[in-house]
PDB file of N, CA and C in Angstrom:
ATOM      1  N   UNK A   1       0.841  -1.179   0.000  1.00  0.00           N
ATOM      2  CA  UNK A   1       0.000   0.000   0.000  1.00  0.00           C
ATOM      3  C   UNK A   1       0.888   1.246   0.000  1.00  0.00           C
ATOM      4  N   UNK A   2       0.568   2.188  -0.852  1.00  0.00           N
ATOM      5  CA  UNK A   2       1.322   3.438  -0.933  1.00  0.00           C
ATOM      6  C   UNK A   2       1.017   4.318   0.266  1.00  0.00           C
ATOM      7  N   UNK A   3       1.980   5.177   0.550  1.00  0.00           N
ATOM      8  CA  UNK A   3       1.786   6.159   1.617  1.00  0.00           C
ATOM      9  C   UNK A   3       0.636   7.085   1.215  1.00  0.00           C
ATOM     10  N   UNK A   4      -0.204   7.499   2.155  1.00  0.00           N
ATOM     11  CA  UNK A   4      -1.352   8.350   1.806  1.00  0.00           C
ATOM     12  C   UNK A   4      -0.974   9.666   1.142  1.00  0.00           C
ATOM     13  N   UNK A   5       0.221  10.143   1.365  1.00  0.00           N
ATOM     14  CA  UNK A   5       0.620  11.434   0.796  1.00  0.00           C
ATOM     15  C   UNK A   5       1.371  11.311  -0.526  1.00  0.00           C
ATOM     16  N   UNK A   6       1.530  10.073  -1.043  1.00  0.00           N
ATOM     17  CA  UNK A   6       2.346   9.876  -2.244  1.00  0.00           C
ATOM     18  C   UNK A   6       1.818  10.666  -3.439  1.00  0.00           C
ATOM     19  N   UNK A   7       0.498  10.747  -3.585  1.00  0.00           N
ATOM     20  CA  UNK A   7      -0.065  11.501  -4.713  1.00  0.00           C
ATOM     21  C   UNK A   7       0.217  12.993  -4.572  1.00  0.00           C
ATOM     22  N   UNK A   8       0.106  13.521  -3.356  1.00  0.00           N
ATOM     23  CA  UNK A   8       0.388  14.933  -3.119  1.00  0.00           C
ATOM     24  C   UNK A   8       1.859  15.235  -3.384  1.00  0.00           C
ATOM     25  N   UNK A   9       2.727  14.372  -2.901  1.00  0.00           N
ATOM     26  CA  UNK A   9       4.168  14.550  -3.106  1.00  0.00           C
ATOM     27  C   UNK A   9       4.501  14.519  -4.591  1.00  0.00           C
ATOM     28  N   UNK A  10       3.949  13.549  -5.305  1.00  0.00           N
ATOM     29  CA  UNK A  10       4.194  13.432  -6.750  1.00  0.00           C
ATOM     30  C   UNK A  10       3.702  14.670  -7.489  1.00  0.00           C
ATOM     31  N   UNK A  11       2.549  15.195  -7.085  1.00  0.00           N
ATOM     32  CA  UNK A  11       2.004  16.395  -7.725  1.00  0.00           C
ATOM     33  C   UNK A  11       2.915  17.601  -7.474  1.00  0.00           C
ATOM     34  N   UNK A  12       3.426  17.735  -6.242  1.00  0.00           N
ATOM     35  CA  UNK A  12       4.323  18.851  -5.919  1.00  0.00           C
ATOM     36  C   UNK A  12       5.612  18.764  -6.736  1.00  0.00           C
ATOM     37  N   UNK A  13       6.147  17.557  -6.877  1.00  0.00           N
ATOM     38  CA  UNK A  13       7.375  17.364  -7.658  1.00  0.00           C
ATOM     39  C   UNK A  13       7.126  17.691  -9.120  1.00  0.00           C
ATOM     40  N   UNK A  14       6.013  17.219  -9.652  1.00  0.00           N
ATOM     41  CA  UNK A  14       5.679  17.492 -11.058  1.00  0.00           C
ATOM     42  C   UNK A  14       5.516  18.991 -11.296  1.00  0.00           C
ATOM     43  N   UNK A  15       4.867  19.689 -10.365  1.00  0.00           N
ATOM     44  CA  UNK A  15       4.683  21.139 -10.505  1.00  0.00           C
ATOM     45  C   UNK A  15       6.035  21.854 -10.456  1.00  0.00           C
ATOM     46  N   UNK A  16       6.909  21.431  -9.562  1.00  0.00           N
ATOM     47  CA  UNK A  16       8.229  22.053  -9.462  1.00  0.00           C
ATOM     48  C   UNK A  16       9.036  21.812 -10.730  1.00  0.00           C
ATOM     49  N   UNK A  17       8.930  20.606 -11.296  1.00  0.00           N
ATOM     50  CA  UNK A  17       9.623  20.310 -12.562  1.00  0.00           C
ATOM     51  C   UNK A  17       9.107  21.204 -13.679  1.00  0.00           C
ATOM     52  N   UNK A  18       7.782  21.357 -13.743  1.00  0.00           N
ATOM     53  CA  UNK A  18       7.177  22.177 -14.792  1.00  0.00           C
ATOM     54  C   UNK A  18       7.605  23.638 -14.670  1.00  0.00           C
ATOM     55  N   UNK A  19       7.807  24.108 -13.438  1.00  0.00           N
ATOM     56  CA  UNK A  19       8.235  25.497 -13.211  1.00  0.00           C
ATOM     57  C   UNK A  19       9.742  25.675 -13.405  1.00  0.00           C
ATOM     58  N   UNK A  20      10.465  24.574 -13.603  1.00  0.00           N
ATOM     59  CA  UNK A  20      11.910  24.654 -13.823  1.00  0.00           C
ATOM     60  C   UNK A  20      12.731  24.730 -12.546  1.00  0.00           C
ATOM     61  N   UNK A  21      12.144  24.324 -11.436  1.00  0.00           N
ATOM     62  CA  UNK A  21      12.853  24.404 -10.149  1.00  0.00           C
ATOM     63  C   UNK A  21      14.081  23.498 -10.107  1.00  0.00           C
ATOM     64  N   UNK A  22      14.117  22.499 -10.950  1.00  0.00           N
ATOM     65  CA  UNK A  22      15.236  21.556 -10.930  1.00  0.00           C
ATOM     66  C   UNK A  22      16.234  21.807 -12.054  1.00  0.00           C
ATOM     67  N   UNK A  23      16.018  22.864 -12.829  1.00  0.00           N
ATOM     68  CA  UNK A  23      16.940  23.200 -13.919  1.00  0.00           C
ATOM     69  C   UNK A  23      18.193  23.858 -13.354  1.00  0.00           C
ATOM     70  N   UNK A  24      19.313  23.588 -13.974  1.00  0.00           N
ATOM     71  CA  UNK A  24      20.596  24.220 -13.645  1.00  0.00           C
ATOM     72  C   UNK A  24      21.040  24.014 -12.193  1.00  0.00           C
ATOM     73  N   UNK A  25      20.747  22.881 -11.634  1.00  0.00           N
ATOM     74  CA  UNK A  25      21.228  22.563 -10.289  1.00  0.00           C
ATOM     75  C   UNK A  25      22.706  22.191 -10.365  1.00  0.00           C
ATOM     76  N   UNK A  26      23.482  22.478  -9.310  1.00  0.00           N
ATOM     77  CA  UNK A  26      24.895  22.076  -9.314  1.00  0.00           C
ATOM     78  C   UNK A  26      25.009  20.552  -9.472  1.00  0.00           C
ATOM     79  N   UNK A  27      25.862  20.128 -10.344  1.00  0.00           N
ATOM     80  CA  UNK A  27      26.071  18.705 -10.556  1.00  0.00           C
ATOM     81  C   UNK A  27      25.089  18.065 -11.512  1.00  0.00           C
ATOM     82  N   UNK A  28      24.218  18.862 -12.114  1.00  0.00           N
ATOM     83  CA  UNK A  28      23.220  18.310 -13.031  1.00  0.00           C
ATOM     84  C   UNK A  28      23.901  17.601 -14.190  1.00  0.00           C
ATOM     85  N   UNK A  29      23.433  16.432 -14.528  1.00  0.00           N
ATOM     86  CA  UNK A  29      23.984  15.659 -15.629  1.00  0.00           C
ATOM     87  C   UNK A  29      25.227  14.880 -15.289  1.00  0.00           C
ATOM     88  N   UNK A  30      25.703  15.007 -14.048  1.00  0.00           N
ATOM     89  CA  UNK A  30      26.890  14.273 -13.622  1.00  0.00           C
ATOM     90  C   UNK A  30      26.469  13.106 -12.744  1.00  0.00           C
ATOM     91  N   UNK A  31      27.283  12.049 -12.732  1.00  0.00           N
ATOM     92  CA  UNK A  31      26.913  10.910 -11.882  1.00  0.00           C
ATOM     93  C   UNK A  31      27.017  11.284 -10.399  1.00  0.00           C
ATOM     94  N   UNK A  32      26.219  10.600  -9.605  1.00  0.00           N
ATOM     95  CA  UNK A  32      26.286  10.808  -8.160  1.00  0.00           C
ATOM     96  C   UNK A  32      27.618  10.291  -7.632  1.00  0.00           C
ATOM     97  N   UNK A  33      28.135  10.898  -6.562  1.00  0.00           N
ATOM     98  CA  UNK A  33      29.388  10.397  -6.003  1.00  0.00           C
ATOM     99  C   UNK A  33      29.200   8.996  -5.436  1.00  0.00           C
ATOM    100  N   UNK A  34      30.274   8.192  -5.406  1.00  0.00           N
ATOM    101  CA  UNK A  34      30.143   6.833  -4.879  1.00  0.00           C
ATOM    102  C   UNK A  34      29.728   6.861  -3.411  1.00  0.00           C
ATOM    103  N   UNK A  35      28.970   5.860  -3.027  1.00  0.00           N
ATOM    104  CA  UNK A  35      28.457   5.799  -1.657  1.00  0.00           C
ATOM    105  C   UNK A  35      28.628   4.374  -1.137  1.00  0.00           C
ATOM    106  N   UNK A  36      29.325   4.240  -0.005  1.00  0.00           N
ATOM    107  CA  UNK A  36      29.550   2.914   0.576  1.00  0.00           C
ATOM    108  C   UNK A  36      28.288   2.321   1.194  1.00  0.00           C
ATOM    109  N   UNK A  37      27.423   3.173   1.719  1.00  0.00           N
ATOM    110  CA  UNK A  37      26.248   2.713   2.444  1.00  0.00           C
ATOM    111  C   UNK A  37      25.029   3.516   1.997  1.00  0.00           C
ATOM    112  N   UNK A  38      24.480   3.206   0.814  1.00  0.00           N
ATOM    113  CA  UNK A  38      23.388   4.027   0.292  1.00  0.00           C
ATOM    114  C   UNK A  38      22.158   4.059   1.192  1.00  0.00           C
ATOM    115  N   UNK A  39      21.919   3.003   1.960  1.00  0.00           N
ATOM    116  CA  UNK A  39      20.757   2.971   2.840  1.00  0.00           C
ATOM    117  C   UNK A  39      20.836   3.989   3.961  1.00  0.00           C
ATOM    118  N   UNK A  40      22.049   4.344   4.367  1.00  0.00           N
ATOM    119  CA  UNK A  40      22.235   5.298   5.458  1.00  0.00           C
ATOM    120  C   UNK A  40      22.928   6.579   4.999  1.00  0.00           C
ATOM    121  N   UNK A  41      22.927   6.842   3.712  1.00  0.00           N
ATOM    122  CA  UNK A  41      23.650   7.994   3.174  1.00  0.00           C
ATOM    123  C   UNK A  41      23.160   9.313   3.758  1.00  0.00           C
ATOM    124  N   UNK A  42      21.852   9.472   3.875  1.00  0.00           N
ATOM    125  CA  UNK A  42      21.309  10.728   4.400  1.00  0.00           C
ATOM    126  C   UNK A  42      21.680  10.887   5.867  1.00  0.00           C
ATOM    127  N   UNK A  43      21.522   9.820   6.636  1.00  0.00           N
ATOM    128  CA  UNK A  43      21.877   9.865   8.053  1.00  0.00           C
ATOM    129  C   UNK A  43      23.363  10.188   8.227  1.00  0.00           C
ATOM    130  N   UNK A  44      24.203   9.560   7.428  1.00  0.00           N
ATOM    131  CA  UNK A  44      25.647   9.805   7.498  1.00  0.00           C
ATOM    132  C   UNK A  44      25.964  11.258   7.179  1.00  0.00           C
ATOM    133  N   UNK A  45      25.320  11.809   6.154  1.00  0.00           N
ATOM    134  CA  UNK A  45      25.556  13.207   5.770  1.00  0.00           C
ATOM    135  C   UNK A  45      25.124  14.152   6.888  1.00  0.00           C
ATOM    136  N   UNK A  46      23.955  13.912   7.471  1.00  0.00           N
ATOM    137  CA  UNK A  46      23.465  14.770   8.552  1.00  0.00           C
ATOM    138  C   UNK A  46      24.406  14.707   9.753  1.00  0.00           C
ATOM    139  N   UNK A  47      24.870  13.504  10.092  1.00  0.00           N
ATOM    140  CA  UNK A  47      25.798  13.363  11.220  1.00  0.00           C
ATOM    141  C   UNK A  47      27.092  14.124  10.948  1.00  0.00           C
ATOM    142  N   UNK A  48      27.613  13.982   9.725  1.00  0.00           N
ATOM    143  CA  UNK A  48      28.870  14.653   9.377  1.00  0.00           C
ATOM    144  C   UNK A  48      28.712  16.167   9.421  1.00  0.00           C
ATOM    145  N   UNK A  49      27.596  16.682   8.896  1.00  0.00           N
ATOM    146  CA  UNK A  49      27.364  18.122   8.889  1.00  0.00           C
ATOM    147  C   UNK A  49      27.247  18.695  10.302  1.00  0.00           C
ATOM    148  N   UNK A  50      26.818  17.878  11.248  1.00  0.00           N
ATOM    149  CA  UNK A  50      26.616  18.343  12.615  1.00  0.00           C
ATOM    150  C   UNK A  50      27.737  17.925  13.561  1.00  0.00           C
ATOM    151  N   UNK A  51      28.812  17.369  13.020  1.00  0.00           N
ATOM    152  CA  UNK A  51      29.975  17.021  13.830  1.00  0.00           C
ATOM    153  C   UNK A  51      29.783  15.792  14.703  1.00  0.00           C
ATOM    154  N   UNK A  52      28.765  15.008  14.436  1.00  0.00           N
ATOM    155  CA  UNK A  52      28.524  13.807  15.229  1.00  0.00           C
ATOM    156  C   UNK A  52      29.461  12.688  14.763  1.00  0.00           C
ATOM    157  N   UNK A  53      29.863  11.855  15.704  1.00  0.00           N
ATOM    158  CA  UNK A  53      30.698  10.706  15.376  1.00  0.00           C
ATOM    159  C   UNK A  53      30.096   9.467  16.030  1.00  0.00           C
ATOM    160  N   UNK A  54      30.380   8.309  15.490  1.00  0.00           N
ATOM    161  CA  UNK A  54      29.897   7.081  16.124  1.00  0.00           C
ATOM    162  C   UNK A  54      30.439   6.956  17.546  1.00  0.00           C
ATOM    163  N   UNK A  55      29.693   6.273  18.385  1.00  0.00           N
ATOM    164  CA  UNK A  55      30.073   6.126  19.792  1.00  0.00           C
ATOM    165  C   UNK A  55      31.467   5.521  19.936  1.00  0.00           C
ATOM    166  N   UNK A  56      31.785   4.528  19.122  1.00  0.00           N
ATOM    167  CA  UNK A  56      33.099   3.880  19.222  1.00  0.00           C
ATOM    168  C   UNK A  56      34.227   4.880  18.966  1.00  0.00           C
ATOM    169  N   UNK A  57      34.021   5.803  18.053  1.00  0.00           N
ATOM    170  CA  UNK A  57      35.042   6.808  17.748  1.00  0.00           C
ATOM    171  C   UNK A  57      35.219   7.763  18.924  1.00  0.00           C
ATOM    172  N   UNK A  58      34.118   8.225  19.498  1.00  0.00           N
ATOM    173  CA  UNK A  58      34.236   9.164  20.621  1.00  0.00           C
ATOM    174  C   UNK A  58      34.865   8.493  21.833  1.00  0.00           C
ATOM    175  N   UNK A  59      34.548   7.219  22.072  1.00  0.00           N
ATOM    176  CA  UNK A  59      35.170   6.494  23.189  1.00  0.00           C
ATOM    177  C   UNK A  59      36.661   6.309  22.928  1.00  0.00           C
ATOM    178  N   UNK A  60      37.031   5.979  21.710  1.00  0.00           N
ATOM    179  CA  UNK A  60      38.449   5.817  21.368  1.00  0.00           C
ATOM    180  C   UNK A  60      39.223   7.105  21.582  1.00  0.00           C
ATOM    181  N   UNK A  61      38.617   8.222  21.213  1.00  0.00           N
ATOM    182  CA  UNK A  61      39.272   9.518  21.407  1.00  0.00           C
ATOM    183  C   UNK A  61      39.463   9.807  22.902  1.00  0.00           C
ATOM    184  N   UNK A  62      38.444   9.500  23.699  1.00  0.00           N
ATOM    185  CA  UNK A  62      38.536   9.722  25.140  1.00  0.00           C
ATOM    186  C   UNK A  62      39.619   8.835  25.751  1.00  0.00           C
ATOM    187  N   UNK A  63      39.703   7.586  25.299  1.00  0.00           N
ATOM    188  CA  UNK A  63      40.754   6.688  25.784  1.00  0.00           C
ATOM    189  C   UNK A  63      42.139   7.230  25.442  1.00  0.00           C
ATOM    190  N   UNK A  64      42.311   7.699  24.229  1.00  0.00           N
ATOM    191  CA  UNK A  64      43.605   8.258  23.813  1.00  0.00           C
ATOM    192  C   UNK A  64      43.963   9.469  24.673  1.00  0.00           C
ATOM    193  N   UNK A  65      42.979  10.313  24.959  1.00  0.00           N
ATOM    194  CA  UNK A  65      43.218  11.492  25.799  1.00  0.00           C
ATOM    195  C   UNK A  65      43.644  11.071  27.208  1.00  0.00           C
ATOM    196  N   UNK A  66      42.948  10.084  27.771  1.00  0.00           N
ATOM    197  CA  UNK A  66      43.295   9.613  29.114  1.00  0.00           C
ATOM    198  C   UNK A  66      44.680   8.969  29.155  1.00  0.00           C
ATOM    199  N   UNK A  67      45.024   8.214  28.128  1.00  0.00           N
ATOM    200  CA  UNK A  67      46.354   7.581  28.086  1.00  0.00           C
ATOM    201  C   UNK A  67      47.458   8.636  28.066  1.00  0.00           C
ATOM    202  N   UNK A  68      47.243   9.685  27.270  1.00  0.00           N
ATOM    203  CA  UNK A  68      48.234  10.757  27.211  1.00  0.00           C
ATOM    204  C   UNK A  68      48.321  11.485  28.552  1.00  0.00           C
ATOM    205  N   UNK A  69      47.182  11.713  29.169  1.00  0.00           N
ATOM    206  CA  UNK A  69      47.156  12.396  30.462  1.00  0.00           C
ATOM    207  C   UNK A  69      47.797  11.536  31.550  1.00  0.00           C
ATOM    208  N   UNK A  70      47.594  10.228  31.471  1.00  0.00           N
ATOM    209  CA  UNK A  70      48.135   9.306  32.470  1.00  0.00           C
ATOM    210  C   UNK A  70      49.666   9.368  32.517  1.00  0.00           C
ATOM    211  N   UNK A  71      50.285   9.589  31.362  1.00  0.00           N
ATOM    212  CA  UNK A  71      51.751   9.672  31.308  1.00  0.00           C
ATOM    213  C   UNK A  71      52.300  10.838  32.129  1.00  0.00           C
ATOM    214  N   UNK A  72      51.466  11.856  32.320  1.00  0.00           N
ATOM    215  CA  UNK A  72      51.899  13.063  33.013  1.00  0.00           C
ATOM    216  C   UNK A  72      51.551  13.065  34.505  1.00  0.00           C
ATOM    217  N   UNK A  73      50.690  12.142  34.943  1.00  0.00           N
ATOM    218  CA  UNK A  73      50.211  12.148  36.330  1.00  0.00           C
ATOM    219  C   UNK A  73      51.119  11.285  37.201  1.00  0.00           C
ATOM    220  N   UNK A  74      51.552  11.861  38.321  1.00  0.00           N
ATOM    221  CA  UNK A  74      52.442  11.142  39.238  1.00  0.00           C
ATOM    222  C   UNK A  74      51.697  10.625  40.470  1.00  0.00           C
ATOM    223  N   UNK A  75      50.608  11.271  40.843  1.00  0.00           N
ATOM    224  CA  UNK A  75      49.854  10.893  42.035  1.00  0.00           C
ATOM    225  C   UNK A  75      49.227   9.504  41.861  1.00  0.00           C
ATOM    226  N   UNK A  76      49.542   8.584  42.796  1.00  0.00           N
ATOM    227  CA  UNK A  76      49.070   7.199  42.681  1.00  0.00           C
ATOM    228  C   UNK A  76      47.549   7.093  42.727  1.00  0.00           C
ATOM    229  N   UNK A  77      46.923   7.864  43.605  1.00  0.00           N
ATOM    230  CA  UNK A  77      45.464   7.814  43.717  1.00  0.00           C
ATOM    231  C   UNK A  77      44.811   8.268  42.416  1.00  0.00           C
ATOM    232  N   UNK A  78      45.313   9.339  41.847  1.00  0.00           N
ATOM    233  CA  UNK A  78      44.765   9.849  40.590  1.00  0.00           C
ATOM    234  C   UNK A  78      45.029   8.865  39.454  1.00  0.00           C
ATOM    235  N   UNK A  79      46.201   8.259  39.427  1.00  0.00           N
ATOM    236  CA  UNK A  79      46.516   7.252  38.392  1.00  0.00           C
ATOM    237  C   UNK A  79      45.566   6.073  38.493  1.00  0.00           C
ATOM    238  N   UNK A  80      45.299   5.617  39.718  1.00  0.00           N
ATOM    239  CA  UNK A  80      44.396   4.483  39.931  1.00  0.00           C
ATOM    240  C   UNK A  80      42.985   4.832  39.430  1.00  0.00           C
ATOM    241  N   UNK A  81      42.524   6.055  39.739  1.00  0.00           N
ATOM    242  CA  UNK A  81      41.206   6.497  39.277  1.00  0.00           C
ATOM    243  C   UNK A  81      41.148   6.520  37.753  1.00  0.00           C
ATOM    244  N   UNK A  82      42.214   7.042  37.136  1.00  0.00           N
ATOM    245  CA  UNK A  82      42.252   7.129  35.678  1.00  0.00           C
ATOM    246  C   UNK A  82      42.280   5.742  35.037  1.00  0.00           C
ATOM    247  N   UNK A  83      43.036   4.836  35.608  1.00  0.00           N
ATOM    248  CA  UNK A  83      43.120   3.477  35.065  1.00  0.00           C
ATOM    249  C   UNK A  83      41.764   2.782  35.174  1.00  0.00           C
ATOM    250  N   UNK A  84      41.065   3.001  36.286  1.00  0.00           N
ATOM    251  CA  UNK A  84      39.721   2.440  36.441  1.00  0.00           C
ATOM    252  C   UNK A  84      38.790   3.001  35.377  1.00  0.00           C
ATOM    253  N   UNK A  85      38.853   4.307  35.164  1.00  0.00           N
ATOM    254  CA  UNK A  85      38.024   4.949  34.145  1.00  0.00           C
ATOM    255  C   UNK A  85      38.356   4.407  32.755  1.00  0.00           C
ATOM    256  N   UNK A  86      39.636   4.205  32.491  1.00  0.00           N
ATOM    257  CA  UNK A  86      40.052   3.659  31.197  1.00  0.00           C
ATOM    258  C   UNK A  86      39.533   2.241  31.006  1.00  0.00           C
ATOM    259  N   UNK A  87      39.549   1.454  32.053  1.00  0.00           N
ATOM    260  CA  UNK A  87      39.046   0.077  31.964  1.00  0.00           C
ATOM    261  C   UNK A  87      37.566   0.073  31.614  1.00  0.00           C
ATOM    262  N   UNK A  88      36.805   0.948  32.255  1.00  0.00           N
ATOM    263  CA  UNK A  88      35.375   1.041  31.953  1.00  0.00           C
ATOM    264  C   UNK A  88      35.141   1.498  30.514  1.00  0.00           C
ATOM    265  N   UNK A  89      35.946   2.446  30.069  1.00  0.00           N
ATOM    266  CA  UNK A  89      35.818   2.910  28.688  1.00  0.00           C
ATOM    267  C   UNK A  89      36.166   1.811  27.687  1.00  0.00           C
ATOM    268  N   UNK A  90      37.153   0.990  28.009  1.00  0.00           N
ATOM    269  CA  UNK A  90      37.515  -0.118  27.117  1.00  0.00           C
ATOM    270  C   UNK A  90      36.372  -1.114  26.989  1.00  0.00           C
ATOM    271  N   UNK A  91      35.659  -1.365  28.084  1.00  0.00           N
ATOM    272  CA  UNK A  91      34.492  -2.253  28.031  1.00  0.00           C
ATOM    273  C   UNK A  91      33.407  -1.613  27.174  1.00  0.00           C
ATOM    274  N   UNK A  92      33.151  -0.322  27.391  1.00  0.00           N
ATOM    275  CA  UNK A  92      32.151   0.380  26.578  1.00  0.00           C
ATOM    276  C   UNK A  92      32.520   0.372  25.096  1.00  0.00           C
ATOM    277  N   UNK A  93      33.818   0.484  24.814  1.00  0.00           N
ATOM    278  CA  UNK A  93      34.279   0.459  23.432  1.00  0.00           C
ATOM    279  C   UNK A  93      33.998  -0.891  22.786  1.00  0.00           C
ATOM    280  N   UNK A  94      34.266  -1.955  23.496  1.00  0.00           N
ATOM    281  CA  UNK A  94      34.000  -3.303  22.969  1.00  0.00           C
ATOM    282  C   UNK A  94      32.514  -3.486  22.694  1.00  0.00           C
ATOM    283  N   UNK A  95      31.679  -3.001  23.599  1.00  0.00           N
ATOM    284  CA  UNK A  95      30.224  -3.104  23.407  1.00  0.00           C
ATOM    285  C   UNK A  95      29.797  -2.280  22.198  1.00  0.00           C
ATOM    286  N   UNK A  96      30.324  -1.075  22.080  1.00  0.00           N
ATOM    287  CA  UNK A  96      29.965  -0.197  20.955  1.00  0.00           C
ATOM    288  C   UNK A  96      30.401  -0.814  19.617  1.00  0.00           C
ATOM    289  N   UNK A  97      31.530  -1.469  19.586  1.00  0.00           N
ATOM    290  CA  UNK A  97      32.016  -2.094  18.342  1.00  0.00           C
ATOM    291  C   UNK A  97      31.128  -3.254  17.907  1.00  0.00           C
ATOM    292  N   UNK A  98      30.492  -3.935  18.855  1.00  0.00           N
ATOM    293  CA  UNK A  98      29.641  -5.078  18.527  1.00  0.00           C
ATOM    294  C   UNK A  98      28.271  -4.675  18.014  1.00  0.00           C
ATOM    295  N   UNK A  99      27.869  -3.430  18.235  1.00  0.00           N
ATOM    296  CA  UNK A  99      26.552  -2.976  17.791  1.00  0.00           C
ATOM    297  C   UNK A  99      26.496  -2.813  16.318  1.00  0.00           C
TER     298      UNK A  99
END
């Protein structure tokens, strides 16, 4: 069954075509750029435009930051806290990679 608005959408597109709204668009007549994941292309573009990254990437960045910071910390209590935090992040990273 078609979406109830499909006829309205088709009519709007046809009217825009007739008015020339799609003439002279950038990239007209050229092939679309290659896409690794066409099913999620729009979602990927929106995430990229808004600076969003997958959870695994953000966790990896946080781990790298903590590792660099750990090299500079001499206090044993603070080092222990940081190592505990890193261990938890490593578990979260493994879970995020499996999703």
